[in-house]
């Protein structure tokens, strides 16, 4: 195969590798927190300098109104969730990239009235 025939596929692969951020994902600082605590959510793989919608579902299945947040130039964000007003039980978080309409994984955390010990 000649160099001219290889250049287009090689350039395409390089372009895809540079642009492809992978699927957007979130991670939580903990999966269990005492009432009156904080959970830190970190996101990556979102559209840079763009809005995302953070969704939080209560244990009863109802959802809080989504929160709009802005990603940084790397498509990342950090957000602190205050659990003071959350009821005990398992809560679910996920984030939607407004530009692409792609959603992240769903992360869960438990709010407990009992003290939470480090694992």
N, C-alpha and C. Protein backbone atom coordinates (compact mmCIF):
# COMPACT_ATOMS: atom_id res chain seq x y z
N UNK A 1 0.85 -1.17 0.00
CA UNK A 1 0.00 0.00 0.00
C UNK A 1 0.90 1.24 0.00
N UNK A 2 0.56 2.22 -0.80
CA UNK A 2 1.38 3.42 -0.90
C UNK A 2 1.05 4.39 0.23
N UNK A 3 1.98 5.33 0.42
CA UNK A 3 1.80 6.34 1.47
C UNK A 3 0.54 7.16 1.25
N UNK A 4 0.25 7.50 0.00
CA UNK A 4 -0.95 8.30 -0.31
C UNK A 4 -2.23 7.58 0.10
N UNK A 5 -2.24 6.26 -0.04
CA UNK A 5 -3.43 5.50 0.35
C UNK A 5 -3.56 5.38 1.86
N UNK A 6 -2.44 5.47 2.57
CA UNK A 6 -2.46 5.35 4.03
C UNK A 6 -2.75 6.67 4.74
N UNK A 7 -2.44 7.78 4.10
CA UNK A 7 -2.54 9.07 4.77
C UNK A 7 -3.95 9.42 5.21
N UNK A 8 -4.95 9.17 4.39
CA UNK A 8 -6.34 9.50 4.75
C UNK A 8 -6.81 8.68 5.95
N UNK A 9 -6.65 7.35 5.95
CA UNK A 9 -7.07 6.60 7.15
C UNK A 9 -6.29 6.99 8.40
N UNK A 10 -5.00 7.29 8.26
CA UNK A 10 -4.21 7.68 9.42
C UNK A 10 -4.66 9.03 9.97
N UNK A 11 -4.94 9.98 9.09
CA UNK A 11 -5.43 11.28 9.54
C UNK A 11 -6.80 11.16 10.20
N UNK A 12 -7.65 10.33 9.65
CA UNK A 12 -8.97 10.12 10.23
C UNK A 12 -8.86 9.51 11.63
N UNK A 13 -8.01 8.52 11.79
CA UNK A 13 -7.81 7.90 13.10
C UNK A 13 -7.27 8.91 14.12
N UNK A 14 -6.31 9.75 13.69
CA UNK A 14 -5.75 10.76 14.58
C UNK A 14 -6.81 11.77 14.99
N UNK A 15 -7.63 12.18 14.06
CA UNK A 15 -8.70 13.13 14.34
C UNK A 15 -9.71 12.55 15.32
N UNK A 16 -10.11 11.32 15.10
CA UNK A 16 -11.07 10.67 16.00
C UNK A 16 -10.49 10.50 17.39
N UNK A 17 -9.22 10.16 17.49
CA UNK A 17 -8.59 9.99 18.80
C UNK A 17 -8.51 11.32 19.53
N UNK A 18 -8.22 12.40 18.81
CA UNK A 18 -8.11 13.72 19.44
C UNK A 18 -9.46 14.25 19.88
N UNK A 19 -10.50 13.99 19.12
CA UNK A 19 -11.83 14.52 19.42
C UNK A 19 -12.63 13.63 20.35
N UNK A 20 -12.40 12.34 20.28
CA UNK A 20 -13.22 11.41 21.06
C UNK A 20 -12.89 11.47 22.53
N UNK A 21 -13.86 11.82 23.33
CA UNK A 21 -13.66 11.90 24.77
C UNK A 21 -14.23 10.68 25.47
N UNK A 22 -14.86 9.81 24.74
CA UNK A 22 -15.52 8.69 25.36
C UNK A 22 -16.88 9.11 25.89
N UNK A 23 -17.57 8.18 26.46
CA UNK A 23 -18.90 8.47 27.00
C UNK A 23 -18.78 9.33 28.25
N UNK A 24 -19.69 10.27 28.43
CA UNK A 24 -19.65 11.07 29.65
C UNK A 24 -19.91 10.20 30.86
N UNK A 25 -19.20 10.49 31.95
CA UNK A 25 -19.39 9.69 33.16
C UNK A 25 -19.27 10.55 34.39
N UNK A 26 -19.90 10.09 35.45
CA UNK A 26 -19.83 10.76 36.74
C UNK A 26 -19.34 9.77 37.79
N UNK A 27 -18.75 10.32 38.84
CA UNK A 27 -18.30 9.52 39.98
C UNK A 27 -18.62 10.31 41.24
N UNK A 28 -18.91 9.59 42.31
CA UNK A 28 -19.25 10.21 43.59
C UNK A 28 -18.15 9.98 44.60
N UNK A 29 -18.00 10.93 45.53
CA UNK A 29 -16.97 10.82 46.56
C UNK A 29 -17.28 9.71 47.56
N UNK A 30 -18.54 9.34 47.67
CA UNK A 30 -18.95 8.29 48.59
C UNK A 30 -20.27 7.68 48.11
N UNK A 31 -20.54 6.47 48.56
CA UNK A 31 -21.83 5.86 48.22
C UNK A 31 -22.76 5.81 49.43
N UNK A 32 -22.27 6.36 50.57
CA UNK A 32 -23.07 6.38 51.79
C UNK A 32 -22.68 7.62 52.58
N UNK A 33 -23.68 8.40 53.01
CA UNK A 33 -23.41 9.64 53.72
C UNK A 33 -24.45 9.84 54.81
N UNK A 34 -24.01 10.41 55.92
CA UNK A 34 -24.95 10.71 56.99
C UNK A 34 -25.74 11.96 56.62
N UNK A 35 -26.99 11.97 57.06
CA UNK A 35 -27.84 13.15 56.89
C UNK A 35 -27.04 14.36 57.39
N UNK A 36 -27.18 15.50 56.76
CA UNK A 36 -26.41 16.71 57.04
C UNK A 36 -24.97 16.58 56.56
N UNK A 37 -24.76 15.87 55.47
CA UNK A 37 -23.42 15.71 54.93
C UNK A 37 -23.33 16.23 53.50
N UNK A 38 -22.25 15.85 52.84
CA UNK A 38 -22.00 16.29 51.46
C UNK A 38 -21.53 15.12 50.63
N UNK A 39 -21.97 15.09 49.38
CA UNK A 39 -21.47 14.14 48.39
C UNK A 39 -20.90 14.98 47.25
N UNK A 40 -19.67 14.71 46.86
CA UNK A 40 -19.06 15.44 45.76
C UNK A 40 -19.20 14.59 44.49
N UNK A 41 -19.78 15.22 43.46
CA UNK A 41 -19.94 14.56 42.16
C UNK A 41 -18.93 15.18 41.19
N UNK A 42 -18.19 14.30 40.50
CA UNK A 42 -17.26 14.75 39.47
C UNK A 42 -17.69 14.16 38.15
N UNK A 43 -17.68 14.99 37.11
CA UNK A 43 -18.06 14.53 35.78
C UNK A 43 -16.94 14.78 34.78
N UNK A 44 -16.87 13.92 33.78
CA UNK A 44 -15.88 14.09 32.70
C UNK A 44 -16.43 13.50 31.42
N UNK A 45 -15.86 13.93 30.30
CA UNK A 45 -16.28 13.42 29.00
C UNK A 45 -17.46 14.16 28.40
N UNK A 46 -17.80 15.31 28.96
CA UNK A 46 -18.91 16.11 28.46
C UNK A 46 -18.39 17.15 27.46
N UNK A 47 -19.28 17.81 26.75
CA UNK A 47 -18.89 18.85 25.81
C UNK A 47 -18.20 19.98 26.57
N UNK A 48 -17.00 20.39 26.14
CA UNK A 48 -16.29 21.47 26.82
C UNK A 48 -17.05 22.80 26.78
N UNK A 49 -16.94 23.55 27.86
CA UNK A 49 -17.55 24.88 27.97
C UNK A 49 -19.02 24.88 27.56
N UNK A 50 -19.76 23.92 28.08
CA UNK A 50 -21.15 23.74 27.68
C UNK A 50 -22.00 23.42 28.91
N UNK A 51 -23.31 23.58 28.75
CA UNK A 51 -24.24 23.27 29.84
C UNK A 51 -24.52 21.78 29.93
N UNK A 52 -24.67 21.33 31.16
CA UNK A 52 -25.14 19.96 31.44
C UNK A 52 -26.28 20.07 32.43
N UNK A 53 -27.15 19.07 32.42
CA UNK A 53 -28.28 19.02 33.35
C UNK A 53 -28.06 17.89 34.35
N UNK A 54 -28.01 18.24 35.62
CA UNK A 54 -27.84 17.25 36.68
C UNK A 54 -29.21 16.83 37.18
N UNK A 55 -29.45 15.52 37.20
CA UNK A 55 -30.73 14.96 37.65
C UNK A 55 -30.51 14.22 38.97
N UNK A 56 -31.42 14.41 39.91
CA UNK A 56 -31.38 13.74 41.20
C UNK A 56 -32.74 13.13 41.49
N UNK A 57 -32.77 11.80 41.63
CA UNK A 57 -34.02 11.08 41.91
C UNK A 57 -34.05 10.68 43.38
N UNK A 58 -35.17 10.93 44.02
CA UNK A 58 -35.40 10.57 45.42
C UNK A 58 -35.67 9.07 45.55
N UNK A 59 -35.61 8.55 46.79
CA UNK A 59 -35.92 7.13 47.00
C UNK A 59 -37.32 6.73 46.57
N UNK A 60 -38.28 7.67 46.60
CA UNK A 60 -39.66 7.33 46.21
C UNK A 60 -39.87 7.36 44.69
N UNK A 61 -38.80 7.66 43.93
CA UNK A 61 -38.89 7.67 42.48
C UNK A 61 -39.16 9.03 41.87
N UNK A 62 -39.52 10.00 42.69
CA UNK A 62 -39.74 11.36 42.16
C UNK A 62 -38.39 12.03 41.94
N UNK A 63 -38.39 13.07 41.12
CA UNK A 63 -37.14 13.72 40.76
C UNK A 63 -37.17 15.20 41.13
N UNK A 64 -36.04 15.69 41.64
CA UNK A 64 -35.89 17.13 41.86
C UNK A 64 -35.81 17.80 40.49
N UNK A 65 -36.13 19.10 40.41
CA UNK A 65 -35.91 19.81 39.14
C UNK A 65 -34.42 19.73 38.77
N UNK A 66 -34.10 19.52 37.49
CA UNK A 66 -32.69 19.44 37.09
C UNK A 66 -31.95 20.74 37.37
N UNK A 67 -30.67 20.62 37.65
CA UNK A 67 -29.79 21.76 37.88
C UNK A 67 -28.89 21.93 36.66
N UNK A 68 -28.78 23.15 36.16
CA UNK A 68 -27.90 23.43 35.02
C UNK A 68 -26.52 23.79 35.56
N UNK A 69 -25.51 23.15 35.01
CA UNK A 69 -24.12 23.43 35.39
C UNK A 69 -23.30 23.63 34.12
N UNK A 70 -22.14 24.25 34.25
CA UNK A 70 -21.26 24.52 33.12
C UNK A 70 -20.00 23.68 33.24
N UNK A 71 -19.61 23.04 32.14
CA UNK A 71 -18.37 22.28 32.13
C UNK A 71 -17.19 23.21 31.87
N UNK A 72 -15.99 22.74 32.20
CA UNK A 72 -14.80 23.54 31.92
C UNK A 72 -14.28 23.24 30.52
N UNK A 73 -13.11 23.79 30.19
CA UNK A 73 -12.55 23.61 28.86
C UNK A 73 -12.18 22.16 28.55
N UNK A 74 -12.12 21.32 29.56
CA UNK A 74 -11.83 19.90 29.35
C UNK A 74 -13.08 19.03 29.38
N UNK A 75 -14.26 19.63 29.49
CA UNK A 75 -15.51 18.86 29.54
C UNK A 75 -15.76 18.23 30.89
N UNK A 76 -15.18 18.82 31.94
CA UNK A 76 -15.31 18.30 33.31
C UNK A 76 -16.07 19.29 34.19
N UNK A 77 -16.57 18.79 35.31
CA UNK A 77 -17.20 19.65 36.31
C UNK A 77 -17.13 18.96 37.66
N UNK A 78 -17.32 19.74 38.71
CA UNK A 78 -17.43 19.23 40.08
C UNK A 78 -18.62 19.93 40.71
N UNK A 79 -19.40 19.15 41.48
CA UNK A 79 -20.59 19.71 42.13
C UNK A 79 -20.76 19.05 43.49
N UNK A 80 -21.06 19.85 44.50
CA UNK A 80 -21.31 19.33 45.84
C UNK A 80 -22.81 19.21 46.07
N UNK A 81 -23.24 18.04 46.53
CA UNK A 81 -24.64 17.79 46.84
C UNK A 81 -24.79 17.86 48.36
N UNK A 82 -25.57 18.81 48.83
CA UNK A 82 -25.85 18.96 50.26
C UNK A 82 -26.99 18.02 50.60
N UNK A 83 -26.78 17.13 51.55
CA UNK A 83 -27.80 16.12 51.87
C UNK A 83 -28.72 16.54 53.01
N UNK A 84 -28.58 17.76 53.50
CA UNK A 84 -29.38 18.23 54.63
C UNK A 84 -30.88 18.07 54.40
N UNK A 85 -31.35 18.39 53.20
CA UNK A 85 -32.78 18.34 52.91
C UNK A 85 -33.22 17.03 52.24
N UNK A 86 -32.32 16.08 52.11
CA UNK A 86 -32.67 14.81 51.48
C UNK A 86 -33.21 13.82 52.51
N UNK A 87 -34.19 13.05 52.11
CA UNK A 87 -34.75 12.03 53.00
C UNK A 87 -33.82 10.83 53.02
N UNK A 88 -33.85 10.05 54.09
CA UNK A 88 -33.03 8.84 54.13
C UNK A 88 -33.43 7.88 53.01
N UNK A 89 -32.46 7.15 52.52
CA UNK A 89 -32.69 6.17 51.46
C UNK A 89 -31.70 6.34 50.32
N UNK A 90 -31.94 5.57 49.27
CA UNK A 90 -31.04 5.57 48.11
C UNK A 90 -31.48 6.61 47.09
N UNK A 91 -30.55 7.48 46.72
CA UNK A 91 -30.77 8.53 45.73
C UNK A 91 -29.95 8.20 44.49
N UNK A 92 -30.44 8.63 43.33
CA UNK A 92 -29.74 8.37 42.07
C UNK A 92 -29.42 9.69 41.38
N UNK A 93 -28.21 9.76 40.84
CA UNK A 93 -27.74 10.94 40.11
C UNK A 93 -27.32 10.55 38.71
N UNK A 94 -27.62 11.38 37.72
CA UNK A 94 -27.10 11.23 36.38
C UNK A 94 -27.08 12.61 35.74
N UNK A 95 -26.28 12.76 34.70
CA UNK A 95 -26.09 14.07 34.07
C UNK A 95 -26.28 13.95 32.57
N UNK A 96 -27.00 14.90 32.00
CA UNK A 96 -27.22 14.94 30.56
C UNK A 96 -26.41 16.07 29.94
N UNK A 97 -25.70 15.76 28.88
CA UNK A 97 -24.97 16.76 28.11
C UNK A 97 -25.97 17.45 27.20
N UNK A 98 -26.22 18.75 27.42
CA UNK A 98 -27.25 19.45 26.63
C UNK A 98 -26.90 19.53 25.15
N UNK A 99 -25.62 19.61 24.83
CA UNK A 99 -25.20 19.76 23.43
C UNK A 99 -25.42 18.48 22.64
N UNK A 100 -25.12 17.33 23.25
CA UNK A 100 -25.20 16.05 22.53
C UNK A 100 -26.42 15.22 22.89
N UNK A 101 -27.09 15.59 24.00
CA UNK A 101 -28.24 14.84 24.53
C UNK A 101 -27.85 13.46 25.07
N UNK A 102 -26.56 13.22 25.26
CA UNK A 102 -26.07 11.95 25.79
C UNK A 102 -26.06 12.05 27.31
N UNK A 103 -26.48 10.97 27.98
CA UNK A 103 -26.49 10.95 29.44
C UNK A 103 -25.35 10.10 29.97
N UNK A 104 -24.93 10.44 31.17
CA UNK A 104 -23.87 9.71 31.86
C UNK A 104 -24.42 8.42 32.44
N UNK A 105 -23.56 7.71 33.11
CA UNK A 105 -23.97 6.59 33.94
C UNK A 105 -24.83 7.12 35.09
N UNK A 106 -25.53 6.25 35.75
CA UNK A 106 -26.29 6.61 36.95
C UNK A 106 -25.50 6.17 38.17
N UNK A 107 -25.28 7.10 39.08
CA UNK A 107 -24.56 6.81 40.32
C UNK A 107 -25.54 6.88 41.48
N UNK A 108 -25.36 6.02 42.46
CA UNK A 108 -26.27 5.97 43.61
C UNK A 108 -25.52 6.24 44.90
N UNK A 109 -26.23 6.89 45.84
CA UNK A 109 -25.70 7.06 47.18
C UNK A 109 -26.84 6.95 48.17
N UNK A 110 -26.51 6.50 49.38
CA UNK A 110 -27.49 6.29 50.43
C UNK A 110 -27.33 7.40 51.48
N UNK A 111 -28.43 8.04 51.83
CA UNK A 111 -28.46 9.00 52.93
C UNK A 111 -28.96 8.25 54.15
N UNK A 112 -28.19 8.34 55.24
CA UNK A 112 -28.51 7.60 56.46
C UNK A 112 -28.65 8.55 57.65
N UNK A 113 -29.57 8.22 58.55
CA UNK A 113 -29.68 8.98 59.79
C UNK A 113 -28.62 8.53 60.79
N UNK A 114 -28.10 7.35 60.58
CA UNK A 114 -27.08 6.80 61.47
C UNK A 114 -25.70 7.30 61.05
N UNK A 115 -24.76 7.40 62.00
CA UNK A 115 -23.39 7.78 61.63
C UNK A 115 -22.81 6.81 60.60
N UNK A 116 -22.07 7.33 59.66
CA UNK A 116 -21.46 6.51 58.61
C UNK A 116 -19.98 6.36 58.95
N UNK A 117 -19.53 5.13 59.01
CA UNK A 117 -18.11 4.88 59.29
C UNK A 117 -17.34 4.73 57.99
N UNK A 118 -16.09 5.11 58.02
CA UNK A 118 -15.25 4.98 56.83
C UNK A 118 -15.04 3.52 56.51
N UNK A 119 -15.04 3.21 55.21
CA UNK A 119 -14.86 1.82 54.78
C UNK A 119 -13.44 1.57 54.38
